[in-house]
Every structure is written in C-alpha cells, then in structure tokens.
N, C-alpha and C. Protein backbone atom coordinates (compact mmCIF):
# COMPACT_ATOMS: atom_id res chain seq x y z
N UNK A 1 17.98 16.78 -19.24
CA UNK A 1 17.10 16.41 -18.37
C UNK A 1 16.61 17.32 -18.53
N UNK A 2 14.98 16.97 -18.72
CA UNK A 2 14.15 17.56 -17.91
C UNK A 2 13.44 16.81 -16.52
N UNK A 3 12.97 17.57 -15.73
CA UNK A 3 12.23 17.16 -14.48
C UNK A 3 11.32 17.87 -14.16
N UNK A 4 10.33 16.60 -13.65
CA UNK A 4 8.55 16.86 -13.93
C UNK A 4 8.10 16.81 -12.14
N UNK A 5 8.28 17.69 -12.09
CA UNK A 5 7.49 17.50 -10.40
C UNK A 5 5.95 16.83 -10.68
N UNK A 6 6.05 16.12 -9.54
CA UNK A 6 4.77 14.96 -9.65
C UNK A 6 3.44 15.91 -8.91
N UNK A 7 2.54 15.18 -9.17
CA UNK A 7 1.70 15.89 -8.07
C UNK A 7 0.37 14.72 -7.45
N UNK A 8 0.20 15.57 -6.29
CA UNK A 8 -0.72 14.22 -6.06
C UNK A 8 -1.76 15.05 -6.01
N UNK A 9 -2.83 14.91 -6.88
CA UNK A 9 -4.32 15.82 -6.62
C UNK A 9 -5.27 15.14 -5.35
N UNK A 10 -5.29 13.48 -4.89
CA UNK A 10 -6.19 13.23 -4.34
C UNK A 10 -5.43 12.29 -3.48
N UNK A 11 -4.75 12.51 -2.87
CA UNK A 11 -3.81 11.34 -2.10
C UNK A 11 -2.64 11.86 -1.97
N UNK A 12 -2.34 11.24 -0.14
CA UNK A 12 -1.01 11.49 0.29
C UNK A 12 0.48 10.68 -0.33
N UNK A 13 1.62 10.40 -0.85
CA UNK A 13 2.44 9.82 -0.82
C UNK A 13 3.05 9.46 -0.14
N UNK A 14 3.32 8.04 0.02
CA UNK A 14 4.72 7.32 0.83
C UNK A 14 5.46 8.18 0.78
N UNK A 15 6.13 8.65 1.55
CA UNK A 15 7.39 9.61 1.91
C UNK A 15 8.32 8.73 2.04
N UNK A 16 8.30 8.48 3.18
CA UNK A 16 9.83 7.44 3.91
C UNK A 16 9.27 6.01 4.05
N UNK A 17 10.20 4.82 4.54
CA UNK A 17 9.76 3.64 5.60
C UNK A 17 10.87 2.68 5.63
N UNK A 18 10.88 2.63 7.06
CA UNK A 18 11.85 1.49 7.43
C UNK A 18 11.30 0.39 7.97
N UNK A 19 11.90 -0.19 8.96
CA UNK A 19 12.08 -1.57 9.05
C UNK A 19 10.72 -2.00 10.27
N UNK A 20 9.80 -0.56 10.39
CA UNK A 20 8.57 -0.61 11.44
C UNK A 20 8.08 0.50 11.35
N UNK A 21 8.07 1.44 9.75
CA UNK A 21 7.44 2.18 9.75
C UNK A 21 6.97 2.81 8.65
N UNK A 22 5.80 3.51 8.61
CA UNK A 22 6.06 4.12 6.68
C UNK A 22 5.56 5.43 7.50
N UNK A 23 6.05 6.59 6.47
CA UNK A 23 5.92 8.15 6.35
C UNK A 23 5.13 8.09 5.34
N UNK A 24 3.85 8.98 5.99
CA UNK A 24 2.99 9.76 5.82
C UNK A 24 2.77 11.02 5.41
N UNK A 25 2.39 11.64 4.94
CA UNK A 25 2.32 12.75 5.01
C UNK A 25 3.03 13.79 6.70
N UNK A 26 3.72 13.62 6.46
CA UNK A 26 4.19 13.65 8.32
C UNK A 26 4.62 12.76 9.02
N UNK A 27 3.03 12.10 9.01
CA UNK A 27 2.76 10.99 9.86
C UNK A 27 3.39 9.91 10.11
N UNK A 28 4.28 9.52 11.11
CA UNK A 28 5.50 8.34 11.18
C UNK A 28 3.80 7.06 11.43
N UNK A 29 3.67 6.26 10.88
CA UNK A 29 2.72 5.26 11.78
C UNK A 29 3.48 3.72 11.58
N UNK A 30 2.98 3.31 12.14
CA UNK A 30 3.66 1.79 12.28
C UNK A 30 3.27 0.85 11.88
N UNK A 31 4.46 -0.01 11.40
CA UNK A 31 4.50 -1.21 10.11
C UNK A 31 3.39 -2.43 10.94
N UNK A 32 3.05 -3.58 10.21
CA UNK A 32 2.18 -3.18 9.32
C UNK A 32 1.56 -1.81 8.57
N UNK A 33 1.35 -1.44 7.62
CA UNK A 33 0.95 0.43 7.36
C UNK A 33 -0.13 -0.15 6.50
N UNK A 34 -1.24 0.66 5.81
CA UNK A 34 -1.97 0.42 4.71
C UNK A 34 -2.66 2.03 4.75
N UNK A 35 -2.35 2.54 3.04
CA UNK A 35 -1.84 3.77 2.73
C UNK A 35 -2.94 3.38 1.81
N UNK A 36 -3.87 5.09 1.11
CA UNK A 36 -4.80 4.90 0.20
C UNK A 36 -5.24 6.18 0.16
N UNK A 37 -5.76 6.68 -1.06
CA UNK A 37 -6.53 8.15 -1.22
C UNK A 37 -6.15 8.90 0.25
N UNK A 38 -7.47 8.06 0.79
CA UNK A 38 -8.16 8.85 1.73
C UNK A 38 -7.05 9.16 3.11
N UNK A 39 -6.11 8.16 3.27
CA UNK A 39 -5.11 8.44 4.19
C UNK A 39 -4.44 7.01 4.54
N UNK A 40 -3.65 6.97 6.18
CA UNK A 40 -2.88 6.24 5.95
C UNK A 40 -2.91 5.15 7.70
N UNK A 41 -3.23 4.09 8.06
CA UNK A 41 -3.02 3.86 9.81
C UNK A 41 -3.29 2.82 9.74
N UNK A 42 -1.87 2.07 10.77
CA UNK A 42 -1.60 1.22 11.12
C UNK A 42 -2.45 -0.05 10.95
N UNK A 43 -2.04 -1.38 10.83
CA UNK A 43 -2.79 -2.49 9.85
C UNK A 43 -2.01 -4.18 10.50
N UNK A 44 -2.76 -4.55 10.99
CA UNK A 44 -2.89 -5.18 11.95
C UNK A 44 -2.10 -6.67 10.77
N UNK A 45 -1.85 -6.45 9.81
CA UNK A 45 -1.25 -7.53 8.65
C UNK A 45 -2.23 -8.59 7.72
N UNK A 46 -1.67 -9.54 6.66
CA UNK A 46 -2.56 -10.16 6.29
C UNK A 46 -3.09 -10.88 6.82
N UNK A 47 -3.80 -11.17 8.17
CA UNK A 47 -4.54 -11.78 8.74
C UNK A 47 -6.18 -11.51 8.50
N UNK A 48 -5.68 -9.49 8.44
CA UNK A 48 -7.10 -8.51 7.99
C UNK A 48 -7.44 -8.04 6.90
N UNK A 49 -8.13 -8.97 6.96
CA UNK A 49 -8.94 -8.40 5.58
C UNK A 49 -9.75 -6.90 5.40
N UNK A 50 -10.58 -6.99 6.39
CA UNK A 50 -12.14 -6.22 7.11
C UNK A 50 -10.98 -4.82 6.72
N UNK A 51 -10.15 -3.90 6.79
CA UNK A 51 -9.41 -3.26 6.32
C UNK A 51 -9.45 -2.75 5.35
N UNK A 52 -9.36 -3.71 4.69
CA UNK A 52 -9.03 -3.29 3.06
C UNK A 52 -10.52 -3.46 2.64
N UNK A 53 -11.32 -4.60 2.73
CA UNK A 53 -12.14 -4.36 2.45
C UNK A 53 -13.53 -3.33 2.81
N UNK A 54 -13.59 -2.64 3.82
CA UNK A 54 -13.66 -1.64 4.03
C UNK A 54 -14.19 -0.37 2.79
N UNK A 55 -12.82 -0.36 1.81
CA UNK A 55 -12.20 0.56 1.16
C UNK A 55 -12.61 -0.41 -0.05
N UNK A 56 -13.86 -1.18 -0.09
CA UNK A 56 -13.62 -2.09 -1.99
C UNK A 56 -13.98 -1.40 -2.40
N UNK A 57 -15.39 -0.12 -2.56
CA UNK A 57 -15.67 0.61 -3.43
C UNK A 57 -14.42 2.00 -3.50
N UNK A 58 -13.84 2.11 -3.56
CA UNK A 58 -13.03 2.94 -3.67
C UNK A 58 -11.43 2.84 -3.67
N UNK A 59 -11.57 0.89 -4.29
CA UNK A 59 -10.08 0.54 -4.80
C UNK A 59 -10.74 -0.42 -6.07
N UNK A 60 -9.31 -0.38 -6.86
CA UNK A 60 -9.46 -1.36 -7.92
C UNK A 60 -8.44 -2.36 -7.23
N UNK A 61 -7.27 -2.00 -6.90
CA UNK A 61 -6.27 -2.98 -6.27
C UNK A 61 -5.73 -2.53 -4.99
N UNK A 62 -4.78 -3.30 -4.64
CA UNK A 62 -3.95 -3.49 -3.75
C UNK A 62 -2.43 -3.49 -4.22
N UNK A 63 -1.09 -3.12 -3.44
CA UNK A 63 0.14 -3.45 -3.78
C UNK A 63 0.10 -3.92 -2.74
N UNK A 64 0.47 -5.31 -2.55
CA UNK A 64 0.91 -6.14 -1.15
C UNK A 64 2.65 -5.71 -1.10
N UNK A 65 3.37 -4.97 0.13
CA UNK A 65 4.93 -5.04 0.08
C UNK A 65 5.17 -6.10 1.23
N UNK A 66 5.48 -7.05 0.59
CA UNK A 66 5.60 -8.31 1.76
C UNK A 66 7.26 -8.29 2.35
N UNK A 67 7.87 -6.98 2.59
CA UNK A 67 9.00 -6.47 3.48
C UNK A 67 10.37 -6.93 2.07
N UNK A 68 11.18 -7.09 2.79
CA UNK A 68 12.50 -6.88 2.36
C UNK A 68 12.67 -8.34 0.96
N UNK A 69 11.88 -9.51 1.35
CA UNK A 69 11.87 -10.08 0.28
C UNK A 69 10.33 -10.10 -0.14
N UNK A 70 10.66 -10.61 -1.81
CA UNK A 70 9.53 -10.84 -2.21
C UNK A 70 8.76 -12.47 -1.83
N UNK A 71 7.34 -12.28 -1.42
CA UNK A 71 6.80 -13.82 -0.86
C UNK A 71 5.19 -13.25 -1.53
N UNK A 72 4.73 -14.76 -1.38
CA UNK A 72 3.38 -15.19 -1.93
C UNK A 72 2.37 -14.08 -1.24
N UNK A 73 1.63 -13.93 -1.27
CA UNK A 73 0.23 -13.29 -0.66
C UNK A 73 -0.21 -14.99 -0.17
N UNK A 74 -0.58 -14.56 0.99
CA UNK A 74 -1.61 -15.74 1.83
C UNK A 74 -2.38 -16.08 0.90
N UNK A 75 -3.00 -17.46 0.98
CA UNK A 75 -4.16 -17.70 0.35
C UNK A 75 -5.48 -17.24 0.35
N UNK A 76 -5.33 -17.58 2.36
CA UNK A 76 -7.13 -16.58 2.15
C UNK A 76 -7.03 -15.31 2.07
N UNK A 77 -6.09 -14.48 2.20
CA UNK A 77 -6.17 -12.78 2.21
C UNK A 77 -6.63 -12.50 0.34
N UNK A 78 -5.62 -13.44 0.00
CA UNK A 78 -5.90 -13.24 -1.90
C UNK A 78 -7.06 -13.66 -2.33
N UNK A 79 -7.41 -14.81 -1.82
CA UNK A 79 -9.02 -15.13 -2.42
C UNK A 79 -9.77 -13.99 -1.47
N UNK A 80 -9.54 -13.68 -0.32
CA UNK A 80 -10.46 -12.72 0.33
C UNK A 80 -10.85 -11.51 -1.03
N UNK A 81 -9.32 -10.79 -0.81
CA UNK A 81 -10.01 -9.82 -1.61
C UNK A 81 -10.72 -9.37 -2.88
N UNK A 82 -10.30 -11.20 -4.15
CA UNK A 82 -10.87 -11.11 -5.40
C UNK A 82 -11.81 -11.41 -4.91
N UNK A 83 -12.18 -12.28 -4.31
CA UNK A 83 -13.99 -12.06 -4.44
C UNK A 83 -14.49 -10.79 -4.05
N UNK A 84 -14.46 -10.13 -3.48
CA UNK A 84 -14.49 -8.54 -3.20
C UNK A 84 -14.51 -7.84 -4.68
N UNK A 85 -13.56 -7.98 -5.74
CA UNK A 85 -13.40 -7.21 -6.55
C UNK A 85 -12.09 -6.42 -6.61
N UNK A 86 -10.80 -6.91 -5.16
CA UNK A 86 -10.08 -6.35 -5.28
C UNK A 86 -9.00 -7.24 -6.31
N UNK A 87 -7.91 -6.62 -6.60
CA UNK A 87 -6.89 -7.19 -7.03
C UNK A 87 -6.17 -6.94 -6.33
N UNK A 88 -4.92 -8.27 -6.59
CA UNK A 88 -3.94 -7.81 -5.30
C UNK A 88 -2.48 -8.10 -6.56
N UNK A 89 -1.48 -7.42 -6.33
CA UNK A 89 -0.10 -6.80 -6.93
C UNK A 89 0.52 -7.42 -5.49
N UNK A 90 1.40 -8.55 -5.78
CA UNK A 90 2.57 -8.33 -4.53
C UNK A 90 4.08 -8.25 -4.76
N UNK A 91 4.88 -7.38 -4.45
CA UNK A 91 6.48 -6.95 -4.20
C UNK A 91 6.54 -6.89 -3.18
N UNK A 92 8.20 -6.79 -3.78
CA UNK A 92 8.48 -6.34 -1.97
C UNK A 92 8.43 -4.69 -1.73
N UNK A 93 8.66 -4.45 -0.69
CA UNK A 93 7.83 -3.13 -0.12
C UNK A 93 9.13 -1.93 -0.67
N UNK A 94 9.54 -1.67 -1.15
CA UNK A 94 10.38 -0.89 -1.46
C UNK A 94 9.53 -0.63 -2.97
N UNK A 95 9.48 -1.61 -3.31
CA UNK A 95 8.93 -1.57 -5.24
C UNK A 95 7.14 -1.19 -4.75
N UNK A 96 6.39 -1.84 -3.56
CA UNK A 96 5.20 -1.27 -3.51
C UNK A 96 4.95 0.17 -3.61
N UNK A 97 6.32 0.53 -2.46
CA UNK A 97 5.96 1.89 -2.10
C UNK A 97 6.13 2.89 -3.47
N UNK A 98 7.83 2.70 -3.93
CA UNK A 98 7.38 3.28 -5.19
C UNK A 98 6.12 3.03 -6.15
N UNK A 99 5.63 2.51 -6.30
CA UNK A 99 4.91 2.44 -7.30
C UNK A 99 3.60 2.30 -6.41
N UNK A 100 3.33 2.56 -5.24
CA UNK A 100 2.03 3.48 -4.88
C UNK A 100 2.35 5.03 -5.40
N UNK A 101 3.32 5.42 -5.06
CA UNK A 101 3.49 6.71 -5.69
C UNK A 101 3.11 7.29 -6.50
N UNK A 102 3.57 6.54 -7.90
CA UNK A 102 3.15 6.81 -9.40
C UNK A 102 2.39 6.39 -9.63
N UNK A 103 1.20 5.45 -8.89
CA UNK A 103 0.04 5.36 -9.52
C UNK A 103 -1.00 6.02 -8.96
N UNK A 104 -0.53 6.72 -7.50
CA UNK A 104 -1.57 7.38 -6.65
C UNK A 104 -1.15 8.68 -7.33
N UNK A 105 -0.47 8.91 -8.43
CA UNK A 105 -0.27 10.43 -8.84
C UNK A 105 -0.89 10.39 -10.49
N UNK A 106 -1.55 9.34 -10.73
CA UNK A 106 -2.00 9.36 -12.07
C UNK A 106 -3.48 9.06 -11.64
N UNK A 107 -3.79 9.26 -10.61
CA UNK A 107 -5.09 9.43 -10.14
C UNK A 107 -6.01 7.58 -9.79
N UNK A 108 -4.84 6.53 -10.17
CA UNK A 108 -5.33 5.40 -9.70
C UNK A 108 -6.03 5.21 -8.21
N UNK A 109 -7.07 4.37 -8.55
CA UNK A 109 -7.92 4.14 -7.63
C UNK A 109 -7.43 2.52 -7.00
N UNK A 110 -5.85 2.61 -6.00
CA UNK A 110 -4.93 1.79 -5.52
C UNK A 110 -4.94 2.00 -3.75
N UNK A 111 -4.25 0.87 -3.32
CA UNK A 111 -3.95 0.90 -1.46
C UNK A 111 -2.57 0.71 -1.86
N UNK A 112 -1.66 0.59 -0.85
CA UNK A 112 -0.49 -0.21 -0.49
C UNK A 112 -0.14 -0.59 0.43
N UNK A 113 -0.44 -1.98 0.89
CA UNK A 113 -0.48 -2.80 2.09
C UNK A 113 0.44 -3.13 1.71
N UNK A 114 1.87 -2.59 3.16
CA UNK A 114 2.93 -2.81 3.49
C UNK A 114 3.29 -2.80 5.06
N UNK A 115 4.23 -4.43 4.73
CA UNK A 115 4.76 -4.98 5.43
C UNK A 115 5.50 -4.95 6.07
N UNK A 116 6.15 -4.75 7.11
CA UNK A 116 7.85 -4.33 7.54
C UNK A 116 8.61 -4.96 6.52
N UNK A 117 9.76 -4.24 6.49
CA UNK A 117 11.15 -4.88 6.08
C UNK A 117 11.97 -5.09 7.41
N UNK A 118 13.23 -6.08 7.08
CA UNK A 118 14.48 -6.28 7.41
C UNK A 118 15.10 -5.21 8.49
N UNK A 119 15.56 -4.85 9.46
CA UNK A 119 16.21 -4.15 9.26
C UNK A 119 17.91 -3.79 9.16
C-alpha cells in the first residue's frame, strides 16, 4: 500500500476533538467551534449565524457537526445561511471533522461548525 501525506496549503486541519473541545494547529478551542481556512474560534452554536455569515465571501458551504448523533440543522440556521449562498451539509461531529480535513486538503472553500460530542 502506498500512503500519501496530505498537504494543507491554505488551512490548518482539525487535529482532534473531544466532548467539549476541538484542537486546531495545537490550540485547544472550547466547543462549539467554527473552523475555516483562516483559523478557528469558539462559536456559540446554531443560534449564531453571524459568525458564519461574516465568512460568506470565503465559503461555498459549511459542514455542521451535530455531536454524537445526527440531527437536523435548525430551520432558521439553514435558511439564513442558504439565503447568503452558503450550503449546509449536516453530519455527526466525527464525520464532519474528517470530511473537513479532506476538503481543505483539496483547497475547497469550506468551514466546519462543530457542536460538542457526548462524553
């Protein structure tokens, strides 16, 4: 088997996550967290669309990691982002973290909005 090292030219990958944190570039950030090509920061959750809308010119879509269980995105959250031209893909947090890393390694214009996982 040939293994290829992934290169992250313009973004930092999600290194790990836990019940109440996400680690990006060696920094532990309290969850919920928003991660994008320019960095990562604490986010207050799906009631806060402004943090994502502020990135609208840099994103095509977000991956919403809904924790340990797959849940629907709140309708108001989805509507606000889609009206701004930002697609919303919903998946469990573990899948969202892995998918984010693959997509940013490909140079895609994506962010991950990560909700905490159950302990």
